[in-house]
């Protein structure tokens, strides 16, 4: 597994971009090479950008990660016009203290046997690189730019796109 490659300013920007987005699309790769994406609730982002997710030990995602630990995460907030794509490595972590620290009772919706269920585990995702797109001013700026473009024929230049980190070789 690769180690963290993000610089402190990149980590700060990443955390700022996703702080209000609770659900990510986690993509793993199946044994046959096909990609498999599913929504996952983010239950913690550490200071170093490590992200935490709850799952069951016998899930397909755990098997896929054990086979190939490279994953991607996609975060979208259409209202704020924020889009973030992250690449990293995932590992399965059986740590009851960490489960206890991250647990909240809303999780009983997906884990009805509670935090002491022996089949619950954590996914730890270490971020290596990514990209974000956003638009200062959100939807209002988008509508303004669309109207301006329709009237003047000028392209929308209000969006931002920034890459961060380094993909492992």
N, C-alpha and C. Protein backbone atom coordinates (compact mmCIF):
# COMPACT_ATOMS: atom_id res chain seq x y z
N UNK A 1 0.84 -1.18 0.00
CA UNK A 1 0.00 0.00 0.00
C UNK A 1 0.89 1.24 0.00
N UNK A 2 0.46 2.24 -0.75
CA UNK A 2 1.17 3.51 -0.81
C UNK A 2 0.91 4.31 0.46
N UNK A 3 1.80 5.25 0.73
CA UNK A 3 1.57 6.15 1.86
C UNK A 3 0.95 7.45 1.34
N UNK A 4 0.49 8.26 2.26
CA UNK A 4 -0.15 9.52 1.92
C UNK A 4 0.79 10.38 1.09
N UNK A 5 0.27 10.99 0.02
CA UNK A 5 1.11 11.84 -0.83
C UNK A 5 0.62 13.28 -0.89
N UNK A 6 -0.41 13.61 -0.15
CA UNK A 6 -0.95 14.96 -0.21
C UNK A 6 -0.18 15.91 0.71
N UNK A 7 0.00 17.11 0.23
CA UNK A 7 0.65 18.16 1.01
C UNK A 7 -0.38 18.79 1.95
N UNK A 8 0.07 19.45 3.03
CA UNK A 8 -0.88 20.03 4.00
C UNK A 8 -1.93 20.95 3.38
N UNK A 9 -1.55 21.81 2.45
CA UNK A 9 -2.53 22.70 1.82
C UNK A 9 -3.53 21.92 0.97
N UNK A 10 -3.05 20.86 0.30
CA UNK A 10 -3.95 20.02 -0.48
C UNK A 10 -4.95 19.30 0.42
N UNK A 11 -4.46 18.79 1.55
CA UNK A 11 -5.35 18.12 2.51
C UNK A 11 -6.42 19.08 3.02
N UNK A 12 -6.01 20.29 3.34
CA UNK A 12 -6.96 21.29 3.84
C UNK A 12 -8.03 21.57 2.78
N UNK A 13 -7.62 21.76 1.54
CA UNK A 13 -8.57 22.05 0.46
C UNK A 13 -9.50 20.86 0.23
N UNK A 14 -8.95 19.64 0.24
CA UNK A 14 -9.77 18.44 0.06
C UNK A 14 -10.84 18.36 1.14
N UNK A 15 -10.43 18.52 2.39
CA UNK A 15 -11.38 18.44 3.50
C UNK A 15 -12.43 19.55 3.43
N UNK A 16 -12.04 20.74 2.99
CA UNK A 16 -12.99 21.83 2.84
C UNK A 16 -14.02 21.51 1.75
N UNK A 17 -13.57 20.94 0.64
CA UNK A 17 -14.47 20.65 -0.48
C UNK A 17 -15.50 19.58 -0.13
N UNK A 18 -15.12 18.59 0.71
CA UNK A 18 -16.05 17.48 0.98
C UNK A 18 -16.72 17.55 2.35
N UNK A 19 -16.43 18.57 3.14
CA UNK A 19 -16.90 18.61 4.53
C UNK A 19 -18.41 18.52 4.67
N UNK A 20 -19.18 19.01 3.72
CA UNK A 20 -20.63 18.97 3.81
C UNK A 20 -21.26 17.87 2.96
N UNK A 21 -20.43 17.03 2.36
CA UNK A 21 -20.93 15.94 1.51
C UNK A 21 -20.80 14.65 2.31
N UNK A 22 -21.89 14.07 2.70
CA UNK A 22 -21.87 12.90 3.59
C UNK A 22 -21.74 11.58 2.84
N UNK A 23 -22.14 11.54 1.57
CA UNK A 23 -22.14 10.28 0.83
C UNK A 23 -21.15 10.34 -0.32
N UNK A 24 -20.38 9.28 -0.46
CA UNK A 24 -19.43 9.15 -1.55
C UNK A 24 -19.79 7.92 -2.37
N UNK A 25 -19.45 7.92 -3.63
CA UNK A 25 -19.55 6.72 -4.44
C UNK A 25 -18.17 6.05 -4.39
N UNK A 26 -18.13 4.87 -3.77
CA UNK A 26 -16.90 4.09 -3.65
C UNK A 26 -16.83 3.13 -4.82
N UNK A 27 -15.74 3.17 -5.57
CA UNK A 27 -15.54 2.27 -6.71
C UNK A 27 -14.37 1.35 -6.43
N UNK A 28 -14.66 0.05 -6.57
CA UNK A 28 -13.65 -1.00 -6.45
C UNK A 28 -13.60 -1.72 -7.79
N UNK A 29 -12.66 -2.65 -7.89
CA UNK A 29 -12.57 -3.44 -9.12
C UNK A 29 -12.81 -4.90 -8.79
N UNK A 30 -13.74 -5.51 -9.52
CA UNK A 30 -14.05 -6.92 -9.30
C UNK A 30 -12.95 -7.80 -9.88
N UNK A 31 -13.00 -9.06 -9.53
CA UNK A 31 -12.01 -10.03 -9.99
C UNK A 31 -11.94 -10.10 -11.51
N UNK A 32 -13.09 -9.92 -12.19
CA UNK A 32 -13.13 -9.99 -13.65
C UNK A 32 -12.68 -8.69 -14.32
N UNK A 33 -12.26 -7.70 -13.51
CA UNK A 33 -11.77 -6.43 -14.05
C UNK A 33 -12.82 -5.35 -14.16
N UNK A 34 -14.09 -5.71 -14.01
CA UNK A 34 -15.17 -4.72 -14.07
C UNK A 34 -15.15 -3.85 -12.82
N UNK A 35 -15.57 -2.61 -12.97
CA UNK A 35 -15.66 -1.70 -11.84
C UNK A 35 -17.01 -1.85 -11.16
N UNK A 36 -17.03 -1.65 -9.85
CA UNK A 36 -18.24 -1.78 -9.06
C UNK A 36 -18.32 -0.55 -8.15
N UNK A 37 -19.36 0.25 -8.34
CA UNK A 37 -19.55 1.46 -7.53
C UNK A 37 -20.79 1.33 -6.68
N UNK A 38 -20.70 1.92 -5.49
CA UNK A 38 -21.85 1.94 -4.59
C UNK A 38 -21.73 3.13 -3.65
N UNK A 39 -22.90 3.65 -3.19
CA UNK A 39 -22.86 4.79 -2.25
C UNK A 39 -22.42 4.32 -0.87
N UNK A 40 -21.61 5.14 -0.23
CA UNK A 40 -21.12 4.87 1.12
C UNK A 40 -21.16 6.17 1.91
N UNK A 41 -21.62 6.08 3.14
CA UNK A 41 -21.62 7.25 4.03
C UNK A 41 -20.25 7.40 4.65
N UNK A 42 -19.69 8.59 4.55
CA UNK A 42 -18.39 8.87 5.15
C UNK A 42 -18.60 9.10 6.64
N UNK A 43 -17.84 8.36 7.47
CA UNK A 43 -18.03 8.47 8.92
C UNK A 43 -16.83 9.04 9.64
N UNK A 44 -15.92 9.59 8.91
CA UNK A 44 -14.80 10.26 9.54
C UNK A 44 -13.74 10.59 8.52
N UNK A 45 -13.13 11.75 8.69
CA UNK A 45 -11.97 12.15 7.89
C UNK A 45 -10.92 12.61 8.88
N UNK A 46 -9.81 11.88 8.94
CA UNK A 46 -8.73 12.21 9.87
C UNK A 46 -7.96 13.43 9.38
N UNK A 47 -7.12 13.95 10.25
CA UNK A 47 -6.29 15.11 9.92
C UNK A 47 -5.44 14.88 8.67
N UNK A 48 -5.01 13.65 8.45
CA UNK A 48 -4.16 13.35 7.30
C UNK A 48 -4.96 13.02 6.04
N UNK A 49 -6.30 13.16 6.10
CA UNK A 49 -7.14 12.90 4.94
C UNK A 49 -7.64 11.47 4.84
N UNK A 50 -7.26 10.60 5.76
CA UNK A 50 -7.76 9.23 5.78
C UNK A 50 -9.26 9.27 6.00
N UNK A 51 -9.99 8.48 5.22
CA UNK A 51 -11.45 8.44 5.33
C UNK A 51 -11.91 7.08 5.84
N UNK A 52 -13.00 7.08 6.61
CA UNK A 52 -13.50 5.88 7.26
C UNK A 52 -14.93 5.61 6.85
N UNK A 53 -15.22 4.31 6.60
CA UNK A 53 -16.53 3.85 6.20
C UNK A 53 -16.85 2.55 6.95
N UNK A 54 -18.10 2.36 7.31
CA UNK A 54 -18.56 1.11 7.93
C UNK A 54 -19.03 0.15 6.85
N UNK A 55 -18.80 -1.14 7.07
CA UNK A 55 -19.32 -2.17 6.18
C UNK A 55 -19.38 -3.49 6.92
N UNK A 56 -19.84 -4.50 6.22
CA UNK A 56 -19.84 -5.86 6.77
C UNK A 56 -18.63 -6.62 6.23
N UNK A 57 -18.05 -7.46 7.06
CA UNK A 57 -16.87 -8.24 6.69
C UNK A 57 -17.12 -9.15 5.49
N UNK A 58 -18.36 -9.63 5.35
CA UNK A 58 -18.65 -10.58 4.27
C UNK A 58 -19.22 -9.90 3.02
N UNK A 59 -19.01 -8.58 2.88
CA UNK A 59 -19.55 -7.86 1.73
C UNK A 59 -18.66 -8.04 0.50
N UNK A 60 -19.26 -7.80 -0.67
CA UNK A 60 -18.49 -7.86 -1.92
C UNK A 60 -17.35 -6.86 -1.92
N UNK A 61 -17.60 -5.66 -1.36
CA UNK A 61 -16.55 -4.64 -1.40
C UNK A 61 -15.32 -5.07 -0.63
N UNK A 62 -15.51 -5.78 0.49
CA UNK A 62 -14.37 -6.28 1.26
C UNK A 62 -13.58 -7.29 0.43
N UNK A 63 -14.27 -8.21 -0.23
CA UNK A 63 -13.58 -9.19 -1.08
C UNK A 63 -12.83 -8.49 -2.20
N UNK A 64 -13.47 -7.50 -2.82
CA UNK A 64 -12.83 -6.79 -3.92
C UNK A 64 -11.60 -6.02 -3.46
N UNK A 65 -11.67 -5.40 -2.29
CA UNK A 65 -10.53 -4.65 -1.76
C UNK A 65 -9.40 -5.58 -1.36
N UNK A 66 -9.72 -6.75 -0.84
CA UNK A 66 -8.68 -7.71 -0.50
C UNK A 66 -7.95 -8.21 -1.74
N UNK A 67 -8.65 -8.22 -2.86
CA UNK A 67 -8.06 -8.64 -4.14
C UNK A 67 -7.26 -7.51 -4.78
N UNK A 68 -7.79 -6.28 -4.70
CA UNK A 68 -7.15 -5.11 -5.31
C UNK A 68 -7.53 -3.91 -4.46
N UNK A 69 -6.55 -3.35 -3.75
CA UNK A 69 -6.86 -2.29 -2.78
C UNK A 69 -6.99 -0.90 -3.37
N UNK A 70 -6.80 -0.75 -4.68
CA UNK A 70 -6.97 0.56 -5.32
C UNK A 70 -8.45 0.89 -5.44
N UNK A 71 -8.84 2.08 -4.98
CA UNK A 71 -10.23 2.51 -5.02
C UNK A 71 -10.32 3.95 -5.47
N UNK A 72 -11.52 4.34 -5.84
CA UNK A 72 -11.79 5.76 -6.07
C UNK A 72 -13.05 6.12 -5.31
N UNK A 73 -13.13 7.40 -4.96
CA UNK A 73 -14.28 7.95 -4.26
C UNK A 73 -14.76 9.17 -5.04
N UNK A 74 -16.05 9.26 -5.26
CA UNK A 74 -16.63 10.42 -5.93
C UNK A 74 -17.60 11.12 -4.99
N UNK A 75 -17.43 12.41 -4.81
CA UNK A 75 -18.29 13.23 -3.96
C UNK A 75 -18.97 14.28 -4.83
N UNK A 76 -20.28 14.48 -4.66
CA UNK A 76 -21.02 15.45 -5.47
C UNK A 76 -21.97 16.24 -4.58
N UNK A 77 -21.93 17.55 -4.74
CA UNK A 77 -22.92 18.43 -4.14
C UNK A 77 -23.39 19.35 -5.25
N UNK A 78 -24.47 18.97 -5.92
CA UNK A 78 -24.93 19.75 -7.08
C UNK A 78 -25.42 21.13 -6.68
N UNK A 79 -25.97 21.27 -5.48
CA UNK A 79 -26.44 22.58 -5.04
C UNK A 79 -25.32 23.58 -4.90
N UNK A 80 -24.19 23.13 -4.41
CA UNK A 80 -23.03 24.01 -4.23
C UNK A 80 -22.10 23.98 -5.43
N UNK A 81 -22.46 23.14 -6.44
CA UNK A 81 -21.60 23.00 -7.62
C UNK A 81 -20.20 22.55 -7.23
N UNK A 82 -20.12 21.49 -6.40
CA UNK A 82 -18.84 20.95 -5.96
C UNK A 82 -18.77 19.47 -6.36
N UNK A 83 -17.67 19.09 -6.99
CA UNK A 83 -17.46 17.73 -7.46
C UNK A 83 -16.02 17.35 -7.12
N UNK A 84 -15.84 16.20 -6.46
CA UNK A 84 -14.51 15.78 -6.05
C UNK A 84 -14.32 14.31 -6.41
N UNK A 85 -13.20 14.00 -7.04
CA UNK A 85 -12.83 12.62 -7.37
C UNK A 85 -11.51 12.32 -6.68
N UNK A 86 -11.45 11.20 -5.98
CA UNK A 86 -10.28 10.84 -5.19
C UNK A 86 -9.81 9.44 -5.57
N UNK A 87 -8.50 9.25 -5.64
CA UNK A 87 -7.90 7.93 -5.81
C UNK A 87 -7.12 7.60 -4.56
N UNK A 88 -7.15 6.33 -4.18
CA UNK A 88 -6.40 5.93 -3.00
C UNK A 88 -6.36 4.42 -2.84
N UNK A 89 -5.93 4.02 -1.67
CA UNK A 89 -5.88 2.60 -1.32
C UNK A 89 -6.79 2.39 -0.13
N UNK A 90 -7.46 1.23 -0.13
CA UNK A 90 -8.36 0.90 0.96
C UNK A 90 -7.83 -0.33 1.69
N UNK A 91 -8.14 -0.38 2.97
CA UNK A 91 -7.83 -1.57 3.74
C UNK A 91 -8.97 -1.82 4.72
N UNK A 92 -9.14 -3.08 5.06
CA UNK A 92 -10.15 -3.48 6.02
C UNK A 92 -9.51 -3.40 7.39
N UNK A 93 -10.17 -2.71 8.32
CA UNK A 93 -9.62 -2.50 9.65
C UNK A 93 -10.62 -3.01 10.69
N UNK A 94 -10.22 -4.03 11.43
CA UNK A 94 -11.02 -4.55 12.54
C UNK A 94 -10.47 -3.95 13.83
N UNK A 95 -11.09 -2.87 14.27
CA UNK A 95 -10.63 -2.15 15.44
C UNK A 95 -11.85 -1.67 16.21
N UNK A 96 -12.21 -2.40 17.26
CA UNK A 96 -13.43 -2.08 18.00
C UNK A 96 -13.37 -0.68 18.61
N UNK A 97 -12.19 -0.24 19.05
CA UNK A 97 -12.09 1.12 19.60
C UNK A 97 -12.40 2.18 18.56
N UNK A 98 -11.93 1.97 17.33
CA UNK A 98 -12.22 2.92 16.25
C UNK A 98 -13.70 2.86 15.88
N UNK A 99 -14.26 1.65 15.85
CA UNK A 99 -15.70 1.51 15.59
C UNK A 99 -16.49 2.28 16.65
N UNK A 100 -16.13 2.10 17.91
CA UNK A 100 -16.81 2.81 19.00
C UNK A 100 -16.69 4.33 18.83
N UNK A 101 -15.52 4.80 18.42
CA UNK A 101 -15.29 6.24 18.28
C UNK A 101 -16.10 6.84 17.13
N UNK A 102 -16.28 6.09 16.06
CA UNK A 102 -16.99 6.60 14.88
C UNK A 102 -18.49 6.33 14.90
N UNK A 103 -18.92 5.42 15.75
CA UNK A 103 -20.32 4.98 15.75
C UNK A 103 -21.28 6.10 16.15
N UNK A 104 -22.43 6.14 15.46
CA UNK A 104 -23.57 6.92 15.93
C UNK A 104 -24.81 6.09 15.65
N UNK A 105 -25.88 6.35 16.38
CA UNK A 105 -27.04 5.47 16.32
C UNK A 105 -27.77 5.48 14.99
N UNK A 106 -27.52 6.46 14.14
CA UNK A 106 -28.10 6.45 12.80
C UNK A 106 -27.62 5.22 12.03
N UNK A 107 -26.44 4.73 12.36
CA UNK A 107 -25.89 3.55 11.68
C UNK A 107 -26.74 2.30 11.90
N UNK A 108 -27.60 2.30 12.91
CA UNK A 108 -28.46 1.13 13.14
C UNK A 108 -29.40 0.88 11.96
N UNK A 109 -29.61 1.89 11.14
CA UNK A 109 -30.42 1.70 9.93
C UNK A 109 -29.81 0.62 9.04
N UNK A 110 -28.48 0.60 8.94
CA UNK A 110 -27.78 -0.36 8.10
C UNK A 110 -27.18 -1.51 8.90
N UNK A 111 -26.96 -1.27 10.17
CA UNK A 111 -26.34 -2.27 11.04
C UNK A 111 -27.24 -2.46 12.27
N UNK A 112 -28.39 -3.14 12.09
CA UNK A 112 -29.40 -3.21 13.16
C UNK A 112 -28.93 -3.93 14.42
N UNK A 113 -27.87 -4.73 14.34
CA UNK A 113 -27.37 -5.42 15.52
C UNK A 113 -26.40 -4.57 16.33
N UNK A 114 -26.21 -3.32 15.92
CA UNK A 114 -25.38 -2.39 16.69
C UNK A 114 -23.90 -2.53 16.44
N UNK A 115 -23.15 -1.69 17.15
CA UNK A 115 -21.71 -1.58 16.92
C UNK A 115 -20.92 -2.80 17.39
N UNK A 116 -21.52 -3.67 18.18
CA UNK A 116 -20.81 -4.86 18.64
C UNK A 116 -21.07 -6.08 17.77
N UNK A 117 -21.78 -5.89 16.66
CA UNK A 117 -22.01 -6.97 15.70
C UNK A 117 -20.64 -7.48 15.23
N UNK A 118 -20.35 -8.77 15.38
CA UNK A 118 -19.03 -9.29 14.99
C UNK A 118 -18.76 -9.22 13.49
N UNK A 119 -19.78 -8.94 12.68
CA UNK A 119 -19.59 -8.85 11.23
C UNK A 119 -19.30 -7.43 10.76
N UNK A 120 -19.35 -6.43 11.66
CA UNK A 120 -19.04 -5.05 11.29
C UNK A 120 -17.53 -4.85 11.24
N UNK A 121 -17.10 -4.13 10.23
CA UNK A 121 -15.70 -3.74 10.12
C UNK A 121 -15.64 -2.34 9.52
N UNK A 122 -14.45 -1.81 9.44
CA UNK A 122 -14.24 -0.49 8.85
C UNK A 122 -13.42 -0.59 7.58
N UNK A 123 -13.70 0.31 6.66
CA UNK A 123 -12.84 0.52 5.50
C UNK A 123 -12.08 1.82 5.75
N UNK A 124 -10.79 1.73 5.62
CA UNK A 124 -9.91 2.89 5.77
C UNK A 124 -9.37 3.21 4.39
N UNK A 125 -9.63 4.42 3.91
CA UNK A 125 -9.15 4.83 2.59
C UNK A 125 -8.09 5.90 2.76
N UNK A 126 -6.90 5.61 2.26
CA UNK A 126 -5.79 6.55 2.26
C UNK A 126 -5.76 7.24 0.91
N UNK A 127 -5.90 8.55 0.91
CA UNK A 127 -5.98 9.34 -0.32
C UNK A 127 -4.59 9.62 -0.87
N UNK A 128 -4.45 9.43 -2.19
CA UNK A 128 -3.17 9.72 -2.85
C UNK A 128 -3.27 10.90 -3.80
N UNK A 129 -4.39 10.98 -4.49
CA UNK A 129 -4.54 12.06 -5.46
C UNK A 129 -6.01 12.27 -5.74
N UNK A 130 -6.28 13.33 -6.45
CA UNK A 130 -7.65 13.60 -6.83
C UNK A 130 -7.77 14.89 -7.58
N UNK A 131 -9.00 15.27 -7.78
CA UNK A 131 -9.29 16.49 -8.51
C UNK A 131 -10.62 17.00 -8.01
N UNK A 132 -10.76 18.32 -7.98
CA UNK A 132 -12.05 18.88 -7.63
C UNK A 132 -12.41 19.95 -8.66
N UNK A 133 -13.72 20.09 -8.81
CA UNK A 133 -14.29 21.12 -9.65
C UNK A 133 -15.31 21.83 -8.79
N UNK A 134 -15.29 23.13 -8.82
CA UNK A 134 -16.33 23.86 -8.11
C UNK A 134 -16.58 25.18 -8.82
N UNK A 135 -17.62 25.84 -8.37
CA UNK A 135 -18.01 27.12 -8.96
C UNK A 135 -18.34 28.06 -7.82
N UNK A 136 -17.47 29.02 -7.54
CA UNK A 136 -17.82 30.01 -6.53
C UNK A 136 -19.17 30.65 -6.89
N UNK A 137 -20.04 30.73 -5.92
CA UNK A 137 -21.37 31.29 -6.17
C UNK A 137 -22.41 30.24 -6.48
N UNK A 138 -22.00 28.97 -6.68
CA UNK A 138 -22.92 27.86 -6.86
C UNK A 138 -23.89 28.03 -8.02
N UNK A 139 -25.14 27.63 -7.79
CA UNK A 139 -26.17 27.63 -8.84
C UNK A 139 -26.46 29.02 -9.39
N UNK A 140 -26.44 30.02 -8.53
CA UNK A 140 -26.73 31.37 -9.01
C UNK A 140 -25.69 31.81 -10.04
N UNK A 141 -24.42 31.49 -9.78
CA UNK A 141 -23.38 31.84 -10.74
C UNK A 141 -23.57 31.05 -12.04
N UNK A 142 -23.94 29.78 -11.91
CA UNK A 142 -24.17 28.98 -13.11
C UNK A 142 -25.29 29.59 -13.96
N UNK A 143 -26.39 29.97 -13.33
CA UNK A 143 -27.50 30.56 -14.07
C UNK A 143 -27.08 31.88 -14.73
N UNK A 144 -26.32 32.69 -14.00
CA UNK A 144 -25.83 33.95 -14.56
C UNK A 144 -24.94 33.67 -15.78
N UNK A 145 -24.02 32.73 -15.64
CA UNK A 145 -23.10 32.42 -16.74
C UNK A 145 -23.85 31.86 -17.95
N UNK A 146 -24.90 31.06 -17.70
CA UNK A 146 -25.69 30.53 -18.81
C UNK A 146 -26.40 31.66 -19.55
N UNK A 147 -26.99 32.57 -18.79
CA UNK A 147 -27.67 33.71 -19.42
C UNK A 147 -26.68 34.58 -20.17
N UNK A 148 -25.55 34.85 -19.56
CA UNK A 148 -24.52 35.66 -20.22
C UNK A 148 -24.04 34.99 -21.51
N UNK A 149 -23.82 33.68 -21.43
CA UNK A 149 -23.38 32.95 -22.62
C UNK A 149 -24.41 32.98 -23.73
N UNK A 150 -25.70 32.85 -23.37
CA UNK A 150 -26.76 32.89 -24.37
C UNK A 150 -26.83 34.26 -25.05
N UNK A 151 -26.59 35.33 -24.28
CA UNK A 151 -26.66 36.68 -24.83
C UNK A 151 -25.41 37.09 -25.58
N UNK A 152 -24.24 36.68 -25.09
CA UNK A 152 -22.98 37.18 -25.66
C UNK A 152 -22.22 36.16 -26.48
N UNK A 153 -22.56 34.87 -26.31
CA UNK A 153 -21.80 33.83 -26.99
C UNK A 153 -20.47 33.52 -26.31
N UNK A 154 -20.22 34.12 -25.14
CA UNK A 154 -18.98 33.90 -24.41
C UNK A 154 -19.09 32.63 -23.56
N UNK A 155 -18.02 31.84 -23.50
CA UNK A 155 -18.07 30.61 -22.70
C UNK A 155 -18.03 30.92 -21.19
N UNK A 156 -18.55 29.99 -20.42
CA UNK A 156 -18.54 30.08 -18.95
C UNK A 156 -17.11 29.82 -18.46
N UNK A 157 -16.55 30.77 -17.75
CA UNK A 157 -15.20 30.61 -17.19
C UNK A 157 -15.19 30.72 -15.68
N UNK A 158 -16.36 30.56 -15.05
CA UNK A 158 -16.45 30.77 -13.60
C UNK A 158 -16.06 29.54 -12.79
N UNK A 159 -16.00 28.39 -13.40
CA UNK A 159 -15.67 27.17 -12.66
C UNK A 159 -14.18 27.04 -12.40
N UNK A 160 -13.85 26.26 -11.34
CA UNK A 160 -12.45 25.98 -11.03
C UNK A 160 -12.22 24.49 -11.11
N UNK A 161 -11.01 24.12 -11.49
CA UNK A 161 -10.61 22.72 -11.57
C UNK A 161 -9.18 22.65 -11.05
N UNK A 162 -8.95 21.82 -10.03
CA UNK A 162 -7.62 21.72 -9.44
C UNK A 162 -7.31 20.27 -9.11
N UNK A 163 -6.11 19.84 -9.45
CA UNK A 163 -5.64 18.50 -9.12
C UNK A 163 -4.80 18.56 -7.87
N UNK A 164 -4.76 17.45 -7.12
CA UNK A 164 -3.93 17.40 -5.93
C UNK A 164 -3.35 16.01 -5.77
N UNK A 165 -2.20 15.95 -5.06
CA UNK A 165 -1.54 14.67 -4.80
C UNK A 165 -0.85 14.11 -6.02
N UNK A 166 -0.32 12.92 -5.86
CA UNK A 166 0.38 12.21 -6.91
C UNK A 166 -0.10 10.78 -6.96
N UNK A 167 -0.46 10.33 -8.14
CA UNK A 167 -0.84 8.94 -8.29
C UNK A 167 0.37 8.07 -8.03
N UNK A 168 0.18 6.94 -7.31
CA UNK A 168 1.29 6.01 -7.14
C UNK A 168 1.73 5.44 -8.50
N UNK A 169 2.98 5.13 -8.62
CA UNK A 169 3.48 4.57 -9.89
C UNK A 169 3.23 3.09 -9.95
